[in-house]
Amino acid sequence: MDKAKKTRLEKQGWRIGSAEEFLGLSAAEAALIELKLALSDSLRRRRLASGMTQGELAKRLRSSQSRIAKMEASDPSVTMDLLVRAHLALGATPRDLAKTIEKASRAA
């Protein structure tokens, strides 16, 4: 949120905080959410960069297009191992995954 909008909302009586504060998450829970969001976003970017459709990735994973859409949207039903498997199916290396995890840890 930009500074002007934040100032305007605070003047109107709104309290600005983080999702972590609002939901009462522990640091570990917040870090896990950030990691899942980072992996989901990274998966979408990697798939688009490879020119692959969700349906094509689904066939490669023996899954469905709707499942890939859920993966890219960080749906709660998607497991971390499925996100990692999808990255690997797109040619990601363990080093690529480590970079994504590192970025997520800085955001948390």
N, C-alpha and C. Protein backbone atom coordinates (compact mmCIF):
# COMPACT_ATOMS: atom_id res chain seq x y z
N MET A 1 0.84 -1.17 0.00
CA MET A 1 0.00 0.00 0.00
C MET A 1 0.90 1.24 0.00
N ASP A 2 0.54 2.20 -0.84
CA ASP A 2 1.38 3.39 -0.89
C ASP A 2 1.14 4.27 0.34
N LYS A 3 2.10 5.11 0.61
CA LYS A 3 2.10 5.90 1.83
C LYS A 3 0.90 6.86 1.90
N ALA A 4 0.54 7.47 0.78
CA ALA A 4 -0.59 8.41 0.76
C ALA A 4 -1.90 7.71 1.11
N LYS A 5 -2.10 6.54 0.56
CA LYS A 5 -3.33 5.79 0.84
C LYS A 5 -3.37 5.38 2.30
N LYS A 6 -2.24 4.93 2.82
CA LYS A 6 -2.17 4.52 4.22
C LYS A 6 -2.50 5.69 5.14
N THR A 7 -1.93 6.85 4.85
CA THR A 7 -2.18 8.05 5.65
C THR A 7 -3.65 8.43 5.60
N ARG A 8 -4.23 8.39 4.40
CA ARG A 8 -5.64 8.73 4.23
C ARG A 8 -6.54 7.79 5.04
N LEU A 9 -6.27 6.51 4.99
CA LEU A 9 -7.08 5.54 5.72
C LEU A 9 -6.93 5.71 7.24
N GLU A 10 -5.71 5.97 7.68
CA GLU A 10 -5.49 6.18 9.12
C GLU A 10 -6.22 7.43 9.61
N LYS A 11 -6.27 8.48 8.80
CA LYS A 11 -7.01 9.70 9.16
C LYS A 11 -8.50 9.43 9.27
N GLN A 12 -8.98 8.44 8.52
CA GLN A 12 -10.40 8.08 8.56
C GLN A 12 -10.71 7.11 9.70
N GLY A 13 -9.69 6.78 10.50
CA GLY A 13 -9.89 5.92 11.65
C GLY A 13 -9.55 4.46 11.45
N TRP A 14 -9.08 4.09 10.28
CA TRP A 14 -8.70 2.71 10.02
C TRP A 14 -7.34 2.42 10.65
N ARG A 15 -7.21 1.22 11.17
CA ARG A 15 -5.92 0.78 11.71
C ARG A 15 -5.28 -0.12 10.67
N ILE A 16 -4.05 0.18 10.32
CA ILE A 16 -3.33 -0.58 9.31
C ILE A 16 -2.39 -1.55 10.00
N GLY A 17 -2.48 -2.82 9.63
CA GLY A 17 -1.62 -3.83 10.21
C GLY A 17 -1.32 -4.91 9.18
N SER A 18 -0.72 -5.95 9.63
CA SER A 18 -0.38 -7.06 8.73
C SER A 18 -1.40 -8.19 8.87
N ALA A 19 -1.39 -9.06 7.90
CA ALA A 19 -2.25 -10.25 7.98
C ALA A 19 -1.85 -11.10 9.18
N GLU A 20 -0.56 -11.12 9.46
CA GLU A 20 -0.04 -11.89 10.61
C GLU A 20 -0.68 -11.39 11.91
N GLU A 21 -0.73 -10.08 12.07
CA GLU A 21 -1.35 -9.50 13.28
C GLU A 21 -2.85 -9.79 13.31
N PHE A 22 -3.52 -9.57 12.18
CA PHE A 22 -4.96 -9.74 12.11
C PHE A 22 -5.38 -11.17 12.42
N LEU A 23 -4.65 -12.12 11.88
CA LEU A 23 -5.00 -13.53 12.06
C LEU A 23 -4.37 -14.16 13.30
N GLY A 24 -3.47 -13.43 13.96
CA GLY A 24 -2.81 -13.96 15.15
C GLY A 24 -1.88 -15.11 14.84
N LEU A 25 -1.16 -15.00 13.73
CA LEU A 25 -0.27 -16.08 13.30
C LEU A 25 1.06 -16.00 14.03
N SER A 26 1.62 -17.16 14.27
CA SER A 26 2.98 -17.21 14.81
C SER A 26 3.95 -16.87 13.68
N ALA A 27 5.17 -16.62 14.02
CA ALA A 27 6.19 -16.32 13.00
C ALA A 27 6.37 -17.51 12.06
N ALA A 28 6.31 -18.71 12.60
CA ALA A 28 6.46 -19.91 11.76
C ALA A 28 5.29 -20.07 10.80
N GLU A 29 4.08 -19.80 11.28
CA GLU A 29 2.90 -19.90 10.42
C GLU A 29 2.95 -18.86 9.30
N ALA A 30 3.35 -17.65 9.64
CA ALA A 30 3.46 -16.59 8.65
C ALA A 30 4.53 -16.93 7.61
N ALA A 31 5.64 -17.49 8.06
CA ALA A 31 6.73 -17.88 7.15
C ALA A 31 6.26 -18.98 6.19
N LEU A 32 5.49 -19.93 6.70
CA LEU A 32 4.98 -21.01 5.86
C LEU A 32 4.04 -20.47 4.78
N ILE A 33 3.20 -19.53 5.16
CA ILE A 33 2.29 -18.91 4.19
C ILE A 33 3.07 -18.15 3.13
N GLU A 34 4.07 -17.40 3.54
CA GLU A 34 4.90 -16.66 2.59
C GLU A 34 5.61 -17.62 1.63
N LEU A 35 6.07 -18.74 2.15
CA LEU A 35 6.75 -19.73 1.31
C LEU A 35 5.80 -20.32 0.27
N LYS A 36 4.60 -20.66 0.71
CA LYS A 36 3.62 -21.23 -0.22
C LYS A 36 3.24 -20.20 -1.29
N LEU A 37 3.05 -18.95 -0.89
CA LEU A 37 2.74 -17.90 -1.86
C LEU A 37 3.88 -17.72 -2.86
N ALA A 38 5.11 -17.76 -2.37
CA ALA A 38 6.27 -17.60 -3.25
C ALA A 38 6.38 -18.76 -4.23
N LEU A 39 6.14 -19.98 -3.76
CA LEU A 39 6.21 -21.13 -4.65
C LEU A 39 5.09 -21.09 -5.69
N SER A 40 3.91 -20.67 -5.30
CA SER A 40 2.80 -20.57 -6.24
C SER A 40 3.07 -19.53 -7.31
N ASP A 41 3.56 -18.38 -6.89
CA ASP A 41 3.87 -17.31 -7.84
C ASP A 41 5.01 -17.73 -8.77
N SER A 42 6.01 -18.35 -8.20
CA SER A 42 7.14 -18.82 -8.99
C SER A 42 6.71 -19.87 -10.02
N LEU A 43 5.79 -20.74 -9.62
CA LEU A 43 5.30 -21.76 -10.53
C LEU A 43 4.60 -21.12 -11.73
N ARG A 44 3.74 -20.15 -11.46
CA ARG A 44 3.03 -19.47 -12.54
C ARG A 44 4.01 -18.77 -13.49
N ARG A 45 4.97 -18.04 -12.91
CA ARG A 45 5.95 -17.34 -13.74
C ARG A 45 6.79 -18.31 -14.57
N ARG A 46 7.20 -19.41 -13.96
CA ARG A 46 8.02 -20.40 -14.66
C ARG A 46 7.22 -21.07 -15.79
N ARG A 47 5.96 -21.37 -15.52
CA ARG A 47 5.12 -22.00 -16.54
C ARG A 47 4.92 -21.04 -17.72
N LEU A 48 4.61 -19.78 -17.43
CA LEU A 48 4.41 -18.81 -18.50
C LEU A 48 5.69 -18.58 -19.30
N ALA A 49 6.82 -18.52 -18.60
CA ALA A 49 8.10 -18.31 -19.29
C ALA A 49 8.43 -19.47 -20.23
N SER A 50 7.96 -20.66 -19.88
CA SER A 50 8.23 -21.82 -20.73
C SER A 50 7.23 -21.93 -21.88
N GLY A 51 6.22 -21.05 -21.88
CA GLY A 51 5.22 -21.07 -22.94
C GLY A 51 4.22 -22.21 -22.81
N MET A 52 4.13 -22.77 -21.64
CA MET A 52 3.26 -23.92 -21.41
C MET A 52 1.91 -23.47 -20.84
N THR A 53 0.84 -24.13 -21.25
CA THR A 53 -0.47 -23.85 -20.68
C THR A 53 -0.66 -24.64 -19.40
N GLN A 54 -1.68 -24.26 -18.63
CA GLN A 54 -1.98 -25.03 -17.43
C GLN A 54 -2.34 -26.46 -17.79
N GLY A 55 -3.04 -26.64 -18.90
CA GLY A 55 -3.42 -27.98 -19.33
C GLY A 55 -2.22 -28.84 -19.68
N GLU A 56 -1.23 -28.23 -20.33
CA GLU A 56 -0.02 -28.97 -20.69
C GLU A 56 0.76 -29.38 -19.45
N LEU A 57 0.85 -28.46 -18.49
CA LEU A 57 1.54 -28.81 -17.24
C LEU A 57 0.77 -29.90 -16.50
N ALA A 58 -0.55 -29.82 -16.53
CA ALA A 58 -1.38 -30.83 -15.88
C ALA A 58 -1.11 -32.21 -16.46
N LYS A 59 -1.00 -32.30 -17.78
CA LYS A 59 -0.71 -33.60 -18.42
C LYS A 59 0.64 -34.11 -17.97
N ARG A 60 1.61 -33.22 -17.87
CA ARG A 60 2.96 -33.62 -17.46
C ARG A 60 2.95 -34.17 -16.03
N LEU A 61 2.10 -33.60 -15.18
CA LEU A 61 2.01 -34.02 -13.78
C LEU A 61 0.96 -35.11 -13.55
N ARG A 62 0.26 -35.50 -14.64
CA ARG A 62 -0.86 -36.44 -14.52
C ARG A 62 -1.89 -35.91 -13.54
N SER A 63 -2.27 -34.67 -13.76
CA SER A 63 -3.22 -33.97 -12.92
C SER A 63 -4.26 -33.31 -13.82
N SER A 64 -4.94 -32.30 -13.31
CA SER A 64 -5.95 -31.59 -14.10
C SER A 64 -5.60 -30.12 -14.20
N GLN A 65 -6.16 -29.47 -15.21
CA GLN A 65 -5.93 -28.02 -15.39
C GLN A 65 -6.43 -27.26 -14.17
N SER A 66 -7.57 -27.67 -13.62
CA SER A 66 -8.12 -26.95 -12.46
C SER A 66 -7.19 -27.08 -11.25
N ARG A 67 -6.51 -28.21 -11.14
CA ARG A 67 -5.55 -28.39 -10.04
C ARG A 67 -4.36 -27.45 -10.20
N ILE A 68 -3.90 -27.27 -11.44
CA ILE A 68 -2.80 -26.34 -11.69
C ILE A 68 -3.24 -24.93 -11.36
N ALA A 69 -4.46 -24.58 -11.72
CA ALA A 69 -4.98 -23.25 -11.38
C ALA A 69 -5.00 -23.05 -9.87
N LYS A 70 -5.40 -24.08 -9.13
CA LYS A 70 -5.39 -23.99 -7.67
C LYS A 70 -3.97 -23.85 -7.14
N MET A 71 -3.03 -24.55 -7.76
CA MET A 71 -1.63 -24.45 -7.33
C MET A 71 -1.13 -23.02 -7.51
N GLU A 72 -1.45 -22.43 -8.64
CA GLU A 72 -0.98 -21.08 -8.93
C GLU A 72 -1.69 -20.02 -8.09
N ALA A 73 -2.86 -20.38 -7.54
CA ALA A 73 -3.62 -19.45 -6.70
C ALA A 73 -3.38 -19.69 -5.20
N SER A 74 -2.45 -20.56 -4.87
CA SER A 74 -2.14 -20.91 -3.48
C SER A 74 -3.35 -21.42 -2.71
N ASP A 75 -4.15 -22.21 -3.36
CA ASP A 75 -5.32 -22.79 -2.71
C ASP A 75 -4.87 -23.61 -1.50
N PRO A 76 -5.62 -23.53 -0.40
CA PRO A 76 -5.21 -24.27 0.81
C PRO A 76 -5.14 -25.79 0.61
N SER A 77 -5.84 -26.32 -0.38
CA SER A 77 -5.84 -27.77 -0.59
C SER A 77 -4.56 -28.26 -1.27
N VAL A 78 -3.76 -27.34 -1.77
CA VAL A 78 -2.53 -27.70 -2.49
C VAL A 78 -1.40 -27.92 -1.48
N THR A 79 -0.72 -29.04 -1.61
CA THR A 79 0.38 -29.34 -0.69
C THR A 79 1.70 -28.77 -1.22
N MET A 80 2.62 -28.59 -0.30
CA MET A 80 3.94 -28.07 -0.67
C MET A 80 4.67 -29.06 -1.58
N ASP A 81 4.51 -30.36 -1.32
CA ASP A 81 5.23 -31.32 -2.16
C ASP A 81 4.72 -31.28 -3.60
N LEU A 82 3.43 -31.00 -3.80
CA LEU A 82 2.90 -30.88 -5.16
C LEU A 82 3.47 -29.64 -5.85
N LEU A 83 3.61 -28.55 -5.11
CA LEU A 83 4.22 -27.34 -5.68
C LEU A 83 5.66 -27.60 -6.09
N VAL A 84 6.40 -28.29 -5.25
CA VAL A 84 7.80 -28.61 -5.56
C VAL A 84 7.87 -29.54 -6.76
N ARG A 85 7.01 -30.56 -6.79
CA ARG A 85 6.98 -31.49 -7.92
C ARG A 85 6.70 -30.78 -9.23
N ALA A 86 5.77 -29.82 -9.20
CA ALA A 86 5.44 -29.06 -10.41
C ALA A 86 6.62 -28.23 -10.87
N HIS A 87 7.34 -27.62 -9.93
CA HIS A 87 8.55 -26.87 -10.29
C HIS A 87 9.57 -27.78 -10.99
N LEU A 88 9.77 -28.94 -10.41
CA LEU A 88 10.74 -29.87 -10.98
C LEU A 88 10.30 -30.34 -12.37
N ALA A 89 8.99 -30.51 -12.56
CA ALA A 89 8.48 -30.91 -13.87
C ALA A 89 8.71 -29.82 -14.92
N LEU A 90 8.82 -28.58 -14.47
CA LEU A 90 9.10 -27.46 -15.38
C LEU A 90 10.60 -27.21 -15.54
N GLY A 91 11.41 -28.08 -14.95
CA GLY A 91 12.85 -27.96 -15.12
C GLY A 91 13.58 -27.18 -14.05
N ALA A 92 12.89 -26.84 -12.98
CA ALA A 92 13.56 -26.13 -11.89
C ALA A 92 14.59 -27.05 -11.23
N THR A 93 15.66 -26.45 -10.78
CA THR A 93 16.69 -27.20 -10.06
C THR A 93 16.51 -26.97 -8.56
N PRO A 94 17.14 -27.80 -7.76
CA PRO A 94 17.11 -27.53 -6.32
C PRO A 94 17.62 -26.12 -5.98
N ARG A 95 18.58 -25.64 -6.74
CA ARG A 95 19.10 -24.29 -6.52
C ARG A 95 18.02 -23.24 -6.81
N ASP A 96 17.23 -23.46 -7.88
CA ASP A 96 16.13 -22.56 -8.19
C ASP A 96 15.12 -22.52 -7.04
N LEU A 97 14.80 -23.69 -6.51
CA LEU A 97 13.87 -23.76 -5.38
C LEU A 97 14.44 -23.08 -4.15
N ALA A 98 15.73 -23.24 -3.93
CA ALA A 98 16.37 -22.58 -2.79
C ALA A 98 16.29 -21.06 -2.91
N LYS A 99 16.44 -20.55 -4.12
CA LYS A 99 16.33 -19.10 -4.33
C LYS A 99 14.92 -18.61 -4.02
N THR A 100 13.92 -19.38 -4.43
CA THR A 100 12.53 -19.01 -4.13
C THR A 100 12.29 -19.02 -2.63
N ILE A 101 12.80 -20.03 -1.95
CA ILE A 101 12.65 -20.12 -0.50
C ILE A 101 13.36 -18.96 0.19
N GLU A 102 14.53 -18.62 -0.31
CA GLU A 102 15.29 -17.51 0.27
C GLU A 102 14.51 -16.20 0.14
N LYS A 103 13.94 -15.96 -1.02
CA LYS A 103 13.14 -14.74 -1.23
C LYS A 103 11.95 -14.71 -0.30
N ALA A 104 11.30 -15.86 -0.11
CA ALA A 104 10.14 -15.93 0.78
C ALA A 104 10.53 -15.66 2.22
N SER A 105 11.71 -16.15 2.63
CA SER A 105 12.14 -15.94 4.00
C SER A 105 12.46 -14.47 4.28
N ARG A 106 12.91 -13.77 3.24
CA ARG A 106 13.17 -12.32 3.40
C ARG A 106 11.86 -11.55 3.51
N ALA A 107 10.80 -12.05 2.85
CA ALA A 107 9.51 -11.36 2.87
C ALA A 107 8.78 -11.57 4.18
N ALA A 108 9.07 -12.69 4.86
CA ALA A 108 8.33 -13.02 6.10
C ALA A 108 8.77 -12.18 7.27
